[in-house]
N, C-alpha and C. Protein backbone atom coordinates (compact mmCIF):
# COMPACT_ATOMS: atom_id res chain seq x y z
N MET A 1 0.85 -1.17 0.00
CA MET A 1 0.00 0.00 0.00
C MET A 1 0.89 1.23 0.00
N THR A 2 0.66 2.16 -0.91
CA THR A 2 1.40 3.41 -0.98
C THR A 2 0.64 4.46 -0.18
N ALA A 3 1.29 5.09 0.76
CA ALA A 3 0.65 6.10 1.59
C ALA A 3 1.05 7.49 1.15
N CYS A 4 0.17 8.40 1.36
CA CYS A 4 0.42 9.79 1.03
C CYS A 4 -0.07 10.63 2.21
N VAL A 5 0.78 10.75 3.21
CA VAL A 5 0.42 11.46 4.42
C VAL A 5 1.25 12.74 4.47
N PRO A 6 0.58 13.89 4.70
CA PRO A 6 1.33 15.14 4.77
C PRO A 6 2.24 15.19 5.99
N ALA A 7 3.12 16.15 5.99
CA ALA A 7 4.10 16.29 7.08
C ALA A 7 3.43 16.44 8.44
N THR A 8 2.21 16.98 8.47
CA THR A 8 1.51 17.15 9.74
C THR A 8 1.22 15.80 10.37
N GLY A 9 1.07 14.75 9.55
CA GLY A 9 0.89 13.40 10.05
C GLY A 9 -0.46 13.10 10.64
N SER A 10 -1.44 14.00 10.53
CA SER A 10 -2.72 13.77 11.17
C SER A 10 -3.66 12.89 10.36
N GLY A 11 -3.45 12.78 9.09
CA GLY A 11 -4.30 11.96 8.25
C GLY A 11 -3.85 12.02 6.82
N GLY A 12 -4.32 11.08 6.02
CA GLY A 12 -3.95 11.09 4.62
C GLY A 12 -4.54 9.93 3.86
N PHE A 13 -4.33 9.96 2.56
CA PHE A 13 -4.82 8.93 1.66
C PHE A 13 -3.73 7.88 1.44
N ALA A 14 -4.17 6.68 1.18
CA ALA A 14 -3.25 5.60 0.82
C ALA A 14 -3.88 4.84 -0.33
N ILE A 15 -3.04 4.29 -1.19
CA ILE A 15 -3.52 3.48 -2.30
C ILE A 15 -3.72 2.06 -1.80
N ALA A 16 -4.93 1.56 -1.96
CA ALA A 16 -5.26 0.18 -1.60
C ALA A 16 -5.54 -0.56 -2.91
N ALA A 17 -5.75 -1.86 -2.81
CA ALA A 17 -5.97 -2.68 -4.00
C ALA A 17 -7.17 -2.21 -4.81
N ASP A 18 -8.19 -1.71 -4.14
CA ASP A 18 -9.40 -1.34 -4.86
C ASP A 18 -9.68 0.16 -4.88
N GLY A 19 -8.71 0.98 -4.60
CA GLY A 19 -8.91 2.44 -4.64
C GLY A 19 -8.05 3.13 -3.61
N TRP A 20 -8.50 4.29 -3.19
CA TRP A 20 -7.83 5.02 -2.12
C TRP A 20 -8.57 4.76 -0.83
N ILE A 21 -7.87 4.86 0.27
CA ILE A 21 -8.48 4.82 1.59
C ILE A 21 -7.91 5.97 2.41
N PHE A 22 -8.80 6.63 3.15
CA PHE A 22 -8.34 7.73 4.00
C PHE A 22 -8.34 7.25 5.44
N SER A 23 -7.33 7.65 6.18
CA SER A 23 -7.31 7.38 7.61
C SER A 23 -6.81 8.61 8.34
N GLY A 24 -7.40 8.86 9.49
CA GLY A 24 -7.01 9.99 10.31
C GLY A 24 -8.01 11.13 10.26
N GLU A 25 -7.53 12.32 10.52
CA GLU A 25 -8.37 13.51 10.58
C GLU A 25 -8.23 14.34 9.31
N LEU A 26 -9.32 15.04 8.98
CA LEU A 26 -9.31 15.95 7.83
C LEU A 26 -10.11 17.19 8.23
N THR A 27 -9.38 18.15 8.78
CA THR A 27 -9.99 19.38 9.28
C THR A 27 -9.25 20.59 8.71
N PHE A 28 -9.72 21.76 9.09
CA PHE A 28 -9.11 23.00 8.60
C PHE A 28 -7.61 23.02 8.85
N ALA A 29 -7.19 22.46 9.97
CA ALA A 29 -5.78 22.50 10.35
C ALA A 29 -4.87 21.78 9.36
N ASP A 30 -5.40 20.78 8.65
CA ASP A 30 -4.54 20.00 7.76
C ASP A 30 -5.08 19.79 6.35
N ALA A 31 -6.21 20.38 6.03
CA ALA A 31 -6.85 20.14 4.73
C ALA A 31 -5.94 20.50 3.55
N ALA A 32 -5.29 21.64 3.61
CA ALA A 32 -4.43 22.05 2.49
C ALA A 32 -3.27 21.08 2.31
N ALA A 33 -2.67 20.64 3.41
CA ALA A 33 -1.55 19.70 3.33
C ALA A 33 -2.01 18.34 2.82
N VAL A 34 -3.18 17.89 3.26
CA VAL A 34 -3.72 16.60 2.80
C VAL A 34 -3.99 16.66 1.30
N PHE A 35 -4.62 17.74 0.85
CA PHE A 35 -4.91 17.87 -0.57
C PHE A 35 -3.62 17.93 -1.39
N GLU A 36 -2.67 18.70 -0.94
CA GLU A 36 -1.38 18.80 -1.65
C GLU A 36 -0.70 17.43 -1.74
N ALA A 37 -0.70 16.69 -0.64
CA ALA A 37 -0.08 15.37 -0.63
C ALA A 37 -0.81 14.42 -1.59
N ALA A 38 -2.13 14.55 -1.68
CA ALA A 38 -2.91 13.69 -2.57
C ALA A 38 -2.59 13.94 -4.04
N GLN A 39 -2.08 15.11 -4.35
CA GLN A 39 -1.73 15.41 -5.74
C GLN A 39 -0.60 14.51 -6.23
N GLY A 40 0.14 13.94 -5.30
CA GLY A 40 1.23 13.04 -5.66
C GLY A 40 0.78 11.62 -5.97
N LEU A 41 -0.50 11.34 -5.77
CA LEU A 41 -1.04 10.00 -6.05
C LEU A 41 -1.80 9.98 -7.37
N ALA A 42 -1.63 8.92 -8.12
CA ALA A 42 -2.48 8.74 -9.30
C ALA A 42 -3.89 8.47 -8.81
N LEU A 43 -4.87 8.98 -9.53
CA LEU A 43 -6.25 8.71 -9.14
C LEU A 43 -6.51 7.21 -9.13
N PRO A 44 -7.36 6.75 -8.22
CA PRO A 44 -7.61 5.30 -8.15
C PRO A 44 -8.29 4.79 -9.41
N GLY A 45 -7.79 3.69 -9.93
CA GLY A 45 -8.37 3.11 -11.14
C GLY A 45 -9.82 2.74 -10.97
N SER A 46 -10.19 2.31 -9.78
CA SER A 46 -11.58 1.94 -9.52
C SER A 46 -12.46 3.16 -9.34
N GLY A 47 -11.84 4.30 -9.07
CA GLY A 47 -12.59 5.53 -8.83
C GLY A 47 -13.16 5.63 -7.43
N ILE A 48 -12.80 4.70 -6.55
CA ILE A 48 -13.38 4.67 -5.22
C ILE A 48 -12.42 5.22 -4.17
N VAL A 49 -12.94 6.12 -3.35
CA VAL A 49 -12.20 6.66 -2.21
C VAL A 49 -12.98 6.25 -0.96
N ASP A 50 -12.38 5.39 -0.16
CA ASP A 50 -13.02 4.87 1.05
C ASP A 50 -12.70 5.79 2.22
N LEU A 51 -13.74 6.33 2.82
CA LEU A 51 -13.56 7.25 3.95
C LEU A 51 -13.86 6.61 5.29
N SER A 52 -13.90 5.28 5.34
CA SER A 52 -14.24 4.60 6.59
C SER A 52 -13.22 4.86 7.71
N GLY A 53 -12.02 5.26 7.36
CA GLY A 53 -11.00 5.55 8.36
C GLY A 53 -10.95 7.02 8.79
N LEU A 54 -11.89 7.81 8.29
CA LEU A 54 -11.94 9.23 8.64
C LEU A 54 -12.41 9.37 10.08
N GLU A 55 -11.54 9.85 10.94
CA GLU A 55 -11.82 9.92 12.37
C GLU A 55 -12.48 11.22 12.79
N GLN A 56 -12.11 12.33 12.15
CA GLN A 56 -12.67 13.64 12.49
C GLN A 56 -12.64 14.48 11.22
N ALA A 57 -13.73 15.23 10.99
CA ALA A 57 -13.80 16.06 9.79
C ALA A 57 -14.64 17.30 10.07
N ASP A 58 -14.38 18.33 9.29
CA ASP A 58 -15.21 19.52 9.30
C ASP A 58 -15.47 19.93 7.86
N SER A 59 -15.95 21.13 7.64
CA SER A 59 -16.29 21.55 6.29
C SER A 59 -15.08 21.56 5.36
N SER A 60 -13.89 21.63 5.90
CA SER A 60 -12.69 21.58 5.08
C SER A 60 -12.56 20.23 4.37
N ALA A 61 -13.05 19.18 5.00
CA ALA A 61 -13.04 17.86 4.36
C ALA A 61 -13.90 17.88 3.10
N LEU A 62 -15.03 18.58 3.16
CA LEU A 62 -15.88 18.71 1.97
C LEU A 62 -15.14 19.45 0.87
N ALA A 63 -14.40 20.48 1.24
CA ALA A 63 -13.63 21.23 0.23
C ALA A 63 -12.60 20.34 -0.44
N VAL A 64 -11.92 19.50 0.33
CA VAL A 64 -10.94 18.57 -0.23
C VAL A 64 -11.63 17.57 -1.15
N MET A 65 -12.76 17.04 -0.71
CA MET A 65 -13.49 16.07 -1.51
C MET A 65 -13.93 16.67 -2.85
N LEU A 66 -14.45 17.90 -2.81
CA LEU A 66 -14.89 18.56 -4.04
C LEU A 66 -13.70 18.88 -4.95
N ALA A 67 -12.58 19.25 -4.36
CA ALA A 67 -11.38 19.52 -5.17
C ALA A 67 -10.88 18.24 -5.84
N LEU A 68 -10.96 17.12 -5.13
CA LEU A 68 -10.57 15.85 -5.75
C LEU A 68 -11.53 15.46 -6.87
N LYS A 69 -12.82 15.72 -6.67
CA LYS A 69 -13.79 15.46 -7.74
C LYS A 69 -13.48 16.31 -8.97
N ARG A 70 -13.12 17.57 -8.74
CA ARG A 70 -12.76 18.47 -9.84
C ARG A 70 -11.53 17.96 -10.57
N ARG A 71 -10.53 17.52 -9.82
CA ARG A 71 -9.32 16.97 -10.43
C ARG A 71 -9.67 15.76 -11.30
N ALA A 72 -10.50 14.87 -10.76
CA ALA A 72 -10.89 13.68 -11.52
C ALA A 72 -11.60 14.07 -12.81
N ALA A 73 -12.49 15.04 -12.73
CA ALA A 73 -13.21 15.48 -13.93
C ALA A 73 -12.24 16.04 -14.97
N LEU A 74 -11.27 16.81 -14.53
CA LEU A 74 -10.28 17.39 -15.45
C LEU A 74 -9.43 16.30 -16.10
N GLU A 75 -9.22 15.20 -15.37
CA GLU A 75 -8.43 14.10 -15.90
C GLU A 75 -9.29 13.06 -16.62
N GLY A 76 -10.58 13.36 -16.76
CA GLY A 76 -11.49 12.45 -17.45
C GLY A 76 -11.80 11.19 -16.68
N ALA A 77 -11.74 11.27 -15.37
CA ALA A 77 -11.99 10.10 -14.52
C ALA A 77 -13.19 10.36 -13.63
N ARG A 78 -13.69 9.29 -13.04
CA ARG A 78 -14.78 9.39 -12.06
C ARG A 78 -14.22 9.11 -10.68
N LEU A 79 -14.80 9.74 -9.69
CA LEU A 79 -14.38 9.54 -8.31
C LEU A 79 -15.63 9.42 -7.45
N THR A 80 -15.71 8.35 -6.68
CA THR A 80 -16.85 8.11 -5.81
C THR A 80 -16.35 7.94 -4.38
N PHE A 81 -17.03 8.58 -3.45
CA PHE A 81 -16.66 8.47 -2.05
C PHE A 81 -17.54 7.43 -1.37
N ALA A 82 -16.91 6.46 -0.73
CA ALA A 82 -17.63 5.40 -0.02
C ALA A 82 -17.45 5.58 1.47
N ALA A 83 -18.42 5.12 2.23
CA ALA A 83 -18.38 5.14 3.69
C ALA A 83 -18.19 6.55 4.25
N ILE A 84 -18.93 7.51 3.68
CA ILE A 84 -18.87 8.88 4.20
C ILE A 84 -19.48 8.86 5.61
N PRO A 85 -18.76 9.33 6.62
CA PRO A 85 -19.30 9.34 7.98
C PRO A 85 -20.60 10.16 8.05
N PRO A 86 -21.54 9.73 8.88
CA PRO A 86 -22.84 10.41 8.96
C PRO A 86 -22.74 11.92 9.23
N GLY A 87 -21.84 12.32 10.11
CA GLY A 87 -21.70 13.74 10.40
C GLY A 87 -21.25 14.55 9.20
N LEU A 88 -20.34 13.99 8.42
CA LEU A 88 -19.86 14.68 7.21
C LEU A 88 -20.95 14.69 6.15
N HIS A 89 -21.71 13.60 6.05
CA HIS A 89 -22.82 13.56 5.10
C HIS A 89 -23.87 14.61 5.47
N ALA A 90 -24.16 14.76 6.76
CA ALA A 90 -25.11 15.77 7.21
C ALA A 90 -24.61 17.17 6.88
N LEU A 91 -23.32 17.40 7.06
CA LEU A 91 -22.73 18.69 6.73
C LEU A 91 -22.84 18.97 5.23
N ALA A 92 -22.61 17.95 4.42
CA ALA A 92 -22.75 18.10 2.96
C ALA A 92 -24.19 18.45 2.60
N HIS A 93 -25.12 17.87 3.32
CA HIS A 93 -26.54 18.17 3.08
C HIS A 93 -26.84 19.63 3.43
N VAL A 94 -26.34 20.10 4.56
CA VAL A 94 -26.54 21.49 4.99
C VAL A 94 -25.98 22.46 3.95
N TYR A 95 -24.80 22.14 3.41
CA TYR A 95 -24.15 23.01 2.42
C TYR A 95 -24.71 22.82 1.02
N GLY A 96 -25.58 21.82 0.83
CA GLY A 96 -26.19 21.60 -0.48
C GLY A 96 -25.26 20.99 -1.50
N VAL A 97 -24.29 20.18 -1.06
CA VAL A 97 -23.34 19.59 -2.00
C VAL A 97 -23.41 18.07 -2.05
N VAL A 98 -24.42 17.48 -1.43
CA VAL A 98 -24.56 16.02 -1.44
C VAL A 98 -24.57 15.50 -2.86
N GLU A 99 -25.33 16.14 -3.74
CA GLU A 99 -25.44 15.70 -5.11
C GLU A 99 -24.11 15.79 -5.86
N LEU A 100 -23.31 16.79 -5.55
CA LEU A 100 -22.00 16.94 -6.18
C LEU A 100 -21.07 15.80 -5.78
N LEU A 101 -21.19 15.35 -4.56
CA LEU A 101 -20.33 14.27 -4.08
C LEU A 101 -20.79 12.92 -4.63
N ALA A 102 -22.08 12.82 -4.95
CA ALA A 102 -22.64 11.55 -5.43
C ALA A 102 -22.36 11.29 -6.90
N ARG A 103 -22.03 12.29 -7.66
CA ARG A 103 -21.82 12.13 -9.10
C ARG A 103 -20.54 11.41 -9.40
């Protein structure tokens, strides 16, 4: 498994056999570093990003997720988020971006 964890070490993406998996925290404190570190990974061939390891998140996590979706679209790929934690899903609903994450 190839890991892509920013210098802050609080959380990051890793390449798994069937896509990416996130573990750790994704908050305002580390969102920019997590996103920057993810730029070093090829998009997952399966298009799946598993968020089951996401321990803590705020609206910055949504910003990272949308930026990754934008990157995938620019590269002609699809990206789907699996196992979105209920709190983050509720936040996406409040911000009106649930549909953007589902595409």
